[in-house]
Amino acid sequence: AERAELVQEYRDMGLTEETAQRVADEISANPEIA
């Protein structure tokens, strides 16, 4: 759910769905960065 929130926030910033998914995946892989 937190990852989905992040994806939506990046989409709201203007990123494409694919880019938002990739950025959220990379961020979510590290708990401290997330």
PDB file of all heavy atoms in Angstrom:
ATOM      1  N   ALA A   1       0.828  -1.206   0.000  1.00  0.00           N
ATOM      2  CA  ALA A   1       0.000   0.000   0.000  1.00  0.00           C
ATOM      3  C   ALA A   1       0.867   1.262   0.000  1.00  0.00           C
ATOM      4  O   ALA A   1       0.571   2.241  -0.696  1.00  0.00           O
ATOM      5  CB  ALA A   1      -0.929  -0.001   1.209  1.00  0.00           C
ATOM      6  N   GLU A   2       1.949   1.242   0.780  1.00  0.00           N
ATOM      7  CA  GLU A   2       2.857   2.393   0.824  1.00  0.00           C
ATOM      8  C   GLU A   2       3.542   2.585  -0.528  1.00  0.00           C
ATOM      9  O   GLU A   2       3.717   3.716  -0.980  1.00  0.00           O
ATOM     10  CB  GLU A   2       3.898   2.192   1.924  1.00  0.00           C
ATOM     11  CG  GLU A   2       3.344   2.282   3.338  1.00  0.00           C
ATOM     12  CD  GLU A   2       2.919   3.691   3.703  1.00  0.00           C
ATOM     13  OE1 GLU A   2       3.519   4.658   3.192  1.00  0.00           O
ATOM     14  OE2 GLU A   2       1.976   3.842   4.495  1.00  0.00           O
ATOM     15  N   ARG A   3       3.900   1.479  -1.162  1.00  0.00           N
ATOM     16  CA  ARG A   3       4.518   1.575  -2.484  1.00  0.00           C
ATOM     17  C   ARG A   3       3.527   2.155  -3.477  1.00  0.00           C
ATOM     18  O   ARG A   3       3.884   2.986  -4.335  1.00  0.00           O
ATOM     19  CB  ARG A   3       4.991   0.197  -2.938  1.00  0.00           C
ATOM     20  CG  ARG A   3       5.607   0.178  -4.328  1.00  0.00           C
ATOM     21  CD  ARG A   3       5.859  -1.246  -4.804  1.00  0.00           C
ATOM     22  NE  ARG A   3       6.205  -1.256  -6.215  1.00  0.00           N
ATOM     23  CZ  ARG A   3       5.327  -1.107  -7.203  1.00  0.00           C
ATOM     24  NH1 ARG A   3       4.043  -0.936  -6.930  1.00  0.00           N
ATOM     25  NH2 ARG A   3       5.727  -1.126  -8.465  1.00  0.00           N
ATOM     26  N   ALA A   4       2.280   1.735  -3.399  1.00  0.00           N
ATOM     27  CA  ALA A   4       1.248   2.251  -4.308  1.00  0.00           C
ATOM     28  C   ALA A   4       1.059   3.754  -4.108  1.00  0.00           C
ATOM     29  O   ALA A   4       0.856   4.503  -5.075  1.00  0.00           O
ATOM     30  CB  ALA A   4      -0.068   1.515  -4.077  1.00  0.00           C
ATOM     31  N   GLU A   5       1.133   4.216  -2.846  1.00  0.00           N
ATOM     32  CA  GLU A   5       1.043   5.647  -2.572  1.00  0.00           C
ATOM     33  C   GLU A   5       2.177   6.398  -3.255  1.00  0.00           C
ATOM     34  O   GLU A   5       1.976   7.482  -3.821  1.00  0.00           O
ATOM     35  CB  GLU A   5       1.102   5.893  -1.061  1.00  0.00           C
ATOM     36  CG  GLU A   5      -0.167   5.553  -0.312  1.00  0.00           C
ATOM     37  CD  GLU A   5      -0.050   5.892   1.161  1.00  0.00           C
ATOM     38  OE1 GLU A   5       1.002   6.453   1.554  1.00  0.00           O
ATOM     39  OE2 GLU A   5      -0.993   5.597   1.911  1.00  0.00           O
ATOM     40  N   LEU A   6       3.367   5.810  -3.181  1.00  0.00           N
ATOM     41  CA  LEU A   6       4.533   6.445  -3.779  1.00  0.00           C
ATOM     42  C   LEU A   6       4.383   6.524  -5.293  1.00  0.00           C
ATOM     43  O   LEU A   6       4.691   7.550  -5.912  1.00  0.00           O
ATOM     44  CB  LEU A   6       5.795   5.665  -3.402  1.00  0.00           C
ATOM     45  CG  LEU A   6       7.126   6.414  -3.441  1.00  0.00           C
ATOM     46  CD1 LEU A   6       7.080   7.628  -2.541  1.00  0.00           C
ATOM     47  CD2 LEU A   6       8.256   5.485  -3.041  1.00  0.00           C
ATOM     48  N   VAL A   7       3.896   5.444  -5.895  1.00  0.00           N
ATOM     49  CA  VAL A   7       3.674   5.441  -7.343  1.00  0.00           C
ATOM     50  C   VAL A   7       2.703   6.554  -7.725  1.00  0.00           C
ATOM     51  O   VAL A   7       2.924   7.308  -8.687  1.00  0.00           O
ATOM     52  CB  VAL A   7       3.134   4.073  -7.812  1.00  0.00           C
ATOM     53  CG1 VAL A   7       2.682   4.144  -9.270  1.00  0.00           C
ATOM     54  CG2 VAL A   7       4.205   2.993  -7.650  1.00  0.00           C
ATOM     55  N   GLN A   8       1.623   6.685  -6.974  1.00  0.00           N
ATOM     56  CA  GLN A   8       0.626   7.698  -7.285  1.00  0.00           C
ATOM     57  C   GLN A   8       1.188   9.110  -7.123  1.00  0.00           C
ATOM     58  O   GLN A   8       0.897  10.006  -7.931  1.00  0.00           O
ATOM     59  CB  GLN A   8      -0.604   7.528  -6.379  1.00  0.00           C
ATOM     60  CG  GLN A   8      -1.755   8.450  -6.729  1.00  0.00           C
ATOM     61  CD  GLN A   8      -2.232   8.249  -8.153  1.00  0.00           C
ATOM     62  OE1 GLN A   8      -2.482   7.123  -8.585  1.00  0.00           O
ATOM     63  NE2 GLN A   8      -2.348   9.340  -8.903  1.00  0.00           N
ATOM     64  N   GLU A   9       2.007   9.307  -6.117  1.00  0.00           N
ATOM     65  CA  GLU A   9       2.612  10.623  -5.912  1.00  0.00           C
ATOM     66  C   GLU A   9       3.513  10.994  -7.080  1.00  0.00           C
ATOM     67  O   GLU A   9       3.518  12.152  -7.537  1.00  0.00           O
ATOM     68  CB  GLU A   9       3.389  10.639  -4.599  1.00  0.00           C
ATOM     69  CG  GLU A   9       2.502  10.655  -3.364  1.00  0.00           C
ATOM     70  CD  GLU A   9       3.275  10.429  -2.087  1.00  0.00           C
ATOM     71  OE1 GLU A   9       4.513  10.263  -2.177  1.00  0.00           O
ATOM     72  OE2 GLU A   9       2.652  10.417  -1.013  1.00  0.00           O
ATOM     73  N   TYR A  10       4.284  10.025  -7.569  1.00  0.00           N
ATOM     74  CA  TYR A  10       5.152  10.310  -8.702  1.00  0.00           C
ATOM     75  C   TYR A  10       4.348  10.521  -9.980  1.00  0.00           C
ATOM     76  O   TYR A  10       4.719  11.336 -10.831  1.00  0.00           O
ATOM     77  CB  TYR A  10       6.185   9.198  -8.875  1.00  0.00           C
ATOM     78  CG  TYR A  10       7.288   9.251  -7.854  1.00  0.00           C
ATOM     79  CD1 TYR A  10       7.623   8.144  -7.082  1.00  0.00           C
ATOM     80  CD2 TYR A  10       8.014  10.419  -7.653  1.00  0.00           C
ATOM     81  CE1 TYR A  10       8.627   8.200  -6.134  1.00  0.00           C
ATOM     82  CE2 TYR A  10       9.020  10.488  -6.706  1.00  0.00           C
ATOM     83  CZ  TYR A  10       9.317   9.381  -5.955  1.00  0.00           C
ATOM     84  OH  TYR A  10      10.312   9.456  -5.009  1.00  0.00           O
ATOM     85  N   ARG A  11       3.250   9.822 -10.121  1.00  0.00           N
ATOM     86  CA  ARG A  11       2.379  10.055 -11.272  1.00  0.00           C
ATOM     87  C   ARG A  11       1.778  11.451 -11.202  1.00  0.00           C
ATOM     88  O   ARG A  11       1.653  12.141 -12.233  1.00  0.00           O
ATOM     89  CB  ARG A  11       1.272   9.001 -11.310  1.00  0.00           C
ATOM     90  CG  ARG A  11       1.757   7.600 -11.692  1.00  0.00           C
ATOM     91  CD  ARG A  11       0.584   6.649 -11.829  1.00  0.00           C
ATOM     92  NE  ARG A  11      -0.322   7.090 -12.904  1.00  0.00           N
ATOM     93  CZ  ARG A  11      -1.523   6.557 -13.133  1.00  0.00           C
ATOM     94  NH1 ARG A  11      -1.975   5.586 -12.341  1.00  0.00           N
ATOM     95  NH2 ARG A  11      -2.272   6.992 -14.119  1.00  0.00           N
ATOM     96  N   ASP A  12       1.410  11.883 -10.000  1.00  0.00           N
ATOM     97  CA  ASP A  12       0.862  13.228  -9.829  1.00  0.00           C
ATOM     98  C   ASP A  12       1.894  14.300 -10.155  1.00  0.00           C
ATOM     99  O   ASP A  12       1.535  15.428 -10.524  1.00  0.00           O
ATOM    100  CB  ASP A  12       0.359  13.425  -8.403  1.00  0.00           C
ATOM    101  CG  ASP A  12      -0.855  12.563  -8.082  1.00  0.00           C
ATOM    102  OD1 ASP A  12      -1.515  12.099  -9.042  1.00  0.00           O
ATOM    103  OD2 ASP A  12      -1.133  12.346  -6.874  1.00  0.00           O
ATOM    104  N   MET A  13       3.168  13.949 -10.005  1.00  0.00           N
ATOM    105  CA  MET A  13       4.237  14.890 -10.329  1.00  0.00           C
ATOM    106  C   MET A  13       4.509  14.963 -11.825  1.00  0.00           C
ATOM    107  O   MET A  13       5.297  15.802 -12.275  1.00  0.00           O
ATOM    108  CB  MET A  13       5.515  14.488  -9.590  1.00  0.00           C
ATOM    109  CG  MET A  13       5.425  14.647  -8.079  1.00  0.00           C
ATOM    110  SD  MET A  13       6.822  13.876  -7.197  1.00  0.00           S
ATOM    111  CE  MET A  13       8.211  14.789  -7.868  1.00  0.00           C
ATOM    112  N   GLY A  14       3.896  14.051 -12.591  1.00  0.00           N
ATOM    113  CA  GLY A  14       4.049  14.091 -14.041  1.00  0.00           C
ATOM    114  C   GLY A  14       4.835  12.948 -14.644  1.00  0.00           C
ATOM    115  O   GLY A  14       5.019  12.903 -15.866  1.00  0.00           O
ATOM    116  N   LEU A  15       5.305  11.993 -13.828  1.00  0.00           N
ATOM    117  CA  LEU A  15       6.042  10.851 -14.361  1.00  0.00           C
ATOM    118  C   LEU A  15       5.072   9.872 -15.012  1.00  0.00           C
ATOM    119  O   LEU A  15       3.905   9.788 -14.623  1.00  0.00           O
ATOM    120  CB  LEU A  15       6.817  10.137 -13.250  1.00  0.00           C
ATOM    121  CG  LEU A  15       8.216  10.678 -12.909  1.00  0.00           C
ATOM    122  CD1 LEU A  15       8.132  12.091 -12.353  1.00  0.00           C
ATOM    123  CD2 LEU A  15       8.926   9.760 -11.921  1.00  0.00           C
ATOM    124  N   THR A  16       5.563   9.130 -15.974  1.00  0.00           N
ATOM    125  CA  THR A  16       4.737   8.102 -16.598  1.00  0.00           C
ATOM    126  C   THR A  16       4.530   6.942 -15.631  1.00  0.00           C
ATOM    127  O   THR A  16       5.270   6.802 -14.644  1.00  0.00           O
ATOM    128  CB  THR A  16       5.394   7.576 -17.879  1.00  0.00           C
ATOM    129  OG1 THR A  16       6.637   6.921 -17.528  1.00  0.00           O
ATOM    130  CG2 THR A  16       5.681   8.702 -18.863  1.00  0.00           C
ATOM    131  N   GLU A  17       3.543   6.117 -15.904  1.00  0.00           N
ATOM    132  CA  GLU A  17       3.264   4.975 -15.030  1.00  0.00           C
ATOM    133  C   GLU A  17       4.478   4.071 -14.913  1.00  0.00           C
ATOM    134  O   GLU A  17       4.844   3.634 -13.812  1.00  0.00           O
ATOM    135  CB  GLU A  17       2.078   4.193 -15.585  1.00  0.00           C
ATOM    136  CG  GLU A  17       1.742   2.918 -14.831  1.00  0.00           C
ATOM    137  CD  GLU A  17       1.163   3.189 -13.453  1.00  0.00           C
ATOM    138  OE1 GLU A  17       0.569   4.270 -13.270  1.00  0.00           O
ATOM    139  OE2 GLU A  17       1.313   2.330 -12.561  1.00  0.00           O
ATOM    140  N   GLU A  18       5.121   3.795 -16.041  1.00  0.00           N
ATOM    141  CA  GLU A  18       6.274   2.891 -16.036  1.00  0.00           C
ATOM    142  C   GLU A  18       7.426   3.472 -15.207  1.00  0.00           C
ATOM    143  O   GLU A  18       8.037   2.769 -14.384  1.00  0.00           O
ATOM    144  CB  GLU A  18       6.753   2.642 -17.457  1.00  0.00           C
ATOM    145  CG  GLU A  18       7.957   1.696 -17.534  1.00  0.00           C
ATOM    146  CD  GLU A  18       8.439   1.504 -18.963  1.00  0.00           C
ATOM    147  OE1 GLU A  18       7.844   2.081 -19.900  1.00  0.00           O
ATOM    148  OE2 GLU A  18       9.435   0.770 -19.144  1.00  0.00           O
ATOM    149  N   THR A  19       7.717   4.749 -15.406  1.00  0.00           N
ATOM    150  CA  THR A  19       8.804   5.383 -14.656  1.00  0.00           C
ATOM    151  C   THR A  19       8.489   5.451 -13.175  1.00  0.00           C
ATOM    152  O   THR A  19       9.345   5.196 -12.320  1.00  0.00           O
ATOM    153  CB  THR A  19       9.075   6.790 -15.200  1.00  0.00           C
ATOM    154  OG1 THR A  19       9.396   6.712 -16.595  1.00  0.00           O
ATOM    155  CG2 THR A  19      10.236   7.450 -14.457  1.00  0.00           C
ATOM    156  N   ALA A  20       7.239   5.808 -12.847  1.00  0.00           N
ATOM    157  CA  ALA A  20       6.825   5.879 -11.446  1.00  0.00           C
ATOM    158  C   ALA A  20       6.964   4.518 -10.766  1.00  0.00           C
ATOM    159  O   ALA A  20       7.405   4.429  -9.614  1.00  0.00           O
ATOM    160  CB  ALA A  20       5.386   6.379 -11.355  1.00  0.00           C
ATOM    161  N   GLN A  21       6.601   3.453 -11.476  1.00  0.00           N
ATOM    162  CA  GLN A  21       6.713   2.100 -10.928  1.00  0.00           C
ATOM    163  C   GLN A  21       8.171   1.751 -10.665  1.00  0.00           C
ATOM    164  O   GLN A  21       8.511   1.197  -9.602  1.00  0.00           O
ATOM    165  CB  GLN A  21       6.097   1.082 -11.901  1.00  0.00           C
ATOM    166  CG  GLN A  21       4.597   1.185 -12.078  1.00  0.00           C
ATOM    167  CD  GLN A  21       3.827   0.456 -10.990  1.00  0.00           C
ATOM    168  OE1 GLN A  21       4.416  -0.128 -10.088  1.00  0.00           O
ATOM    169  NE2 GLN A  21       2.506   0.514 -11.071  1.00  0.00           N
ATOM    170  N   ARG A  22       9.032   2.072 -11.609  1.00  0.00           N
ATOM    171  CA  ARG A  22      10.447   1.731 -11.469  1.00  0.00           C
ATOM    172  C   ARG A  22      11.084   2.511 -10.324  1.00  0.00           C
ATOM    173  O   ARG A  22      11.868   1.952  -9.539  1.00  0.00           O
ATOM    174  CB  ARG A  22      11.184   2.016 -12.776  1.00  0.00           C
ATOM    175  CG  ARG A  22      10.815   1.071 -13.925  1.00  0.00           C
ATOM    176  CD  ARG A  22      11.507   1.464 -15.208  1.00  0.00           C
ATOM    177  NE  ARG A  22      12.963   1.435 -15.059  1.00  0.00           N
ATOM    178  CZ  ARG A  22      13.797   1.891 -15.993  1.00  0.00           C
ATOM    179  NH1 ARG A  22      13.325   2.408 -17.119  1.00  0.00           N
ATOM    180  NH2 ARG A  22      15.104   1.818 -15.788  1.00  0.00           N
ATOM    181  N   VAL A  23      10.770   3.799 -10.221  1.00  0.00           N
ATOM    182  CA  VAL A  23      11.329   4.609  -9.133  1.00  0.00           C
ATOM    183  C   VAL A  23      10.840   4.093  -7.783  1.00  0.00           C
ATOM    184  O   VAL A  23      11.621   3.951  -6.830  1.00  0.00           O
ATOM    185  CB  VAL A  23      10.948   6.091  -9.317  1.00  0.00           C
ATOM    186  CG1 VAL A  23      11.377   6.901  -8.097  1.00  0.00           C
ATOM    187  CG2 VAL A  23      11.600   6.658 -10.570  1.00  0.00           C
ATOM    188  N   ALA A  24       9.549   3.799  -7.688  1.00  0.00           N
ATOM    189  CA  ALA A  24       8.982   3.296  -6.431  1.00  0.00           C
ATOM    190  C   ALA A  24       9.597   1.959  -6.051  1.00  0.00           C
ATOM    191  O   ALA A  24       9.851   1.690  -4.876  1.00  0.00           O
ATOM    192  CB  ALA A  24       7.471   3.180  -6.554  1.00  0.00           C
ATOM    193  N   ASP A  25       9.828   1.098  -7.034  1.00  0.00           N
ATOM    194  CA  ASP A  25      10.450  -0.201  -6.767  1.00  0.00           C
ATOM    195  C   ASP A  25      11.849  -0.023  -6.181  1.00  0.00           C
ATOM    196  O   ASP A  25      12.221  -0.700  -5.208  1.00  0.00           O
ATOM    197  CB  ASP A  25      10.527  -1.029  -8.051  1.00  0.00           C
ATOM    198  CG  ASP A  25       9.178  -1.613  -8.445  1.00  0.00           C
ATOM    199  OD1 ASP A  25       8.284  -1.668  -7.574  1.00  0.00           O
ATOM    200  OD2 ASP A  25       9.011  -2.009  -9.617  1.00  0.00           O
ATOM    201  N   GLU A  26      12.626   0.849  -6.793  1.00  0.00           N
ATOM    202  CA  GLU A  26      14.007   1.036  -6.340  1.00  0.00           C
ATOM    203  C   GLU A  26      14.041   1.657  -4.942  1.00  0.00           C
ATOM    204  O   GLU A  26      14.847   1.255  -4.100  1.00  0.00           O
ATOM    205  CB  GLU A  26      14.770   1.919  -7.332  1.00  0.00           C
ATOM    206  CG  GLU A  26      16.251   2.027  -7.006  1.00  0.00           C
ATOM    207  CD  GLU A  26      17.067   2.589  -8.161  1.00  0.00           C
ATOM    208  OE1 GLU A  26      16.530   2.639  -9.291  1.00  0.00           O
ATOM    209  OE2 GLU A  26      18.216   2.971  -7.927  1.00  0.00           O
ATOM    210  N   ILE A  27      13.170   2.618  -4.704  1.00  0.00           N
ATOM    211  CA  ILE A  27      13.119   3.246  -3.379  1.00  0.00           C
ATOM    212  C   ILE A  27      12.670   2.252  -2.323  1.00  0.00           C
ATOM    213  O   ILE A  27      13.243   2.163  -1.230  1.00  0.00           O
ATOM    214  CB  ILE A  27      12.177   4.462  -3.405  1.00  0.00           C
ATOM    215  CG1 ILE A  27      12.807   5.589  -4.221  1.00  0.00           C
ATOM    216  CG2 ILE A  27      11.844   4.939  -1.989  1.00  0.00           C
ATOM    217  CD1 ILE A  27      11.883   6.768  -4.449  1.00  0.00           C
ATOM    218  N   SER A  28      11.641   1.467  -2.642  1.00  0.00           N
ATOM    219  CA  SER A  28      11.070   0.533  -1.673  1.00  0.00           C
ATOM    220  C   SER A  28      12.006  -0.615  -1.340  1.00  0.00           C
ATOM    221  O   SER A  28      11.831  -1.298  -0.322  1.00  0.00           O
ATOM    222  CB  SER A  28       9.747  -0.025  -2.202  1.00  0.00           C
ATOM    223  OG  SER A  28       8.818   1.021  -2.418  1.00  0.00           O
ATOM    224  N   ALA A  29      13.019  -0.845  -2.164  1.00  0.00           N
ATOM    225  CA  ALA A  29      13.955  -1.936  -1.912  1.00  0.00           C
ATOM    226  C   ALA A  29      14.845  -1.665  -0.710  1.00  0.00           C
ATOM    227  O   ALA A  29      15.405  -2.593  -0.127  1.00  0.00           O
ATOM    228  CB  ALA A  29      14.821  -2.184  -3.154  1.00  0.00           C
ATOM    229  N   ASN A  30      14.991  -0.387  -0.334  1.00  0.00           N
ATOM    230  CA  ASN A  30      15.821  -0.020   0.813  1.00  0.00           C
ATOM    231  C   ASN A  30      14.917   0.628   1.871  1.00  0.00           C
ATOM    232  O   ASN A  30      14.425   1.737   1.671  1.00  0.00           O
ATOM    233  CB  ASN A  30      16.921   0.952   0.391  1.00  0.00           C
ATOM    234  CG  ASN A  30      17.915   1.235   1.509  1.00  0.00           C
ATOM    235  OD1 ASN A  30      17.529   1.506   2.644  1.00  0.00           O
ATOM    236  ND2 ASN A  30      19.198   1.194   1.181  1.00  0.00           N
ATOM    237  N   PRO A  31      14.697  -0.027   3.013  1.00  0.00           N
ATOM    238  CA  PRO A  31      13.757   0.491   4.022  1.00  0.00           C
ATOM    239  C   PRO A  31      14.098   1.894   4.517  1.00  0.00           C
ATOM    240  O   PRO A  31      13.199   2.703   4.740  1.00  0.00           O
ATOM    241  CB  PRO A  31      13.845  -0.535   5.147  1.00  0.00           C
ATOM    242  CG  PRO A  31      14.310  -1.790   4.485  1.00  0.00           C
ATOM    243  CD  PRO A  31      15.224  -1.357   3.396  1.00  0.00           C
ATOM    244  N   GLU A  32      15.382   2.185   4.708  1.00  0.00           N
ATOM    245  CA  GLU A  32      15.756   3.506   5.228  1.00  0.00           C
ATOM    246  C   GLU A  32      15.514   4.594   4.196  1.00  0.00           C
ATOM    247  O   GLU A  32      15.046   5.684   4.515  1.00  0.00           O
ATOM    248  CB  GLU A  32      17.221   3.497   5.673  1.00  0.00           C
ATOM    249  CG  GLU A  32      17.467   2.729   6.952  1.00  0.00           C
ATOM    250  CD  GLU A  32      16.609   3.241   8.100  1.00  0.00           C
ATOM    251  OE1 GLU A  32      16.535   4.475   8.294  1.00  0.00           O
ATOM    252  OE2 GLU A  32      15.995   2.413   8.801  1.00  0.00           O
ATOM    253  N   ILE A  33      15.867   4.303   2.937  1.00  0.00           N
ATOM    254  CA  ILE A  33      15.586   5.274   1.883  1.00  0.00           C
ATOM    255  C   ILE A  33      14.080   5.459   1.727  1.00  0.00           C
ATOM    256  O   ILE A  33      13.582   6.585   1.581  1.00  0.00           O
ATOM    257  CB  ILE A  33      16.215   4.822   0.545  1.00  0.00           C
ATOM    258  CG1 ILE A  33      17.737   4.852   0.634  1.00  0.00           C
ATOM    259  CG2 ILE A  33      15.741   5.714  -0.598  1.00  0.00           C
ATOM    260  CD1 ILE A  33      18.441   4.368  -0.610  1.00  0.00           C
ATOM    261  N   ALA A  34      13.349   4.355   1.777  1.00  0.00           N
ATOM    262  CA  ALA A  34      11.892   4.424   1.649  1.00  0.00           C
ATOM    263  C   ALA A  34      11.298   5.294   2.756  1.00  0.00           C
ATOM    264  O   ALA A  34      10.408   6.110   2.513  1.00  0.00           O
ATOM    265  CB  ALA A  34      11.294   3.021   1.697  1.00  0.00           C
TER     266      ALA A  34
END
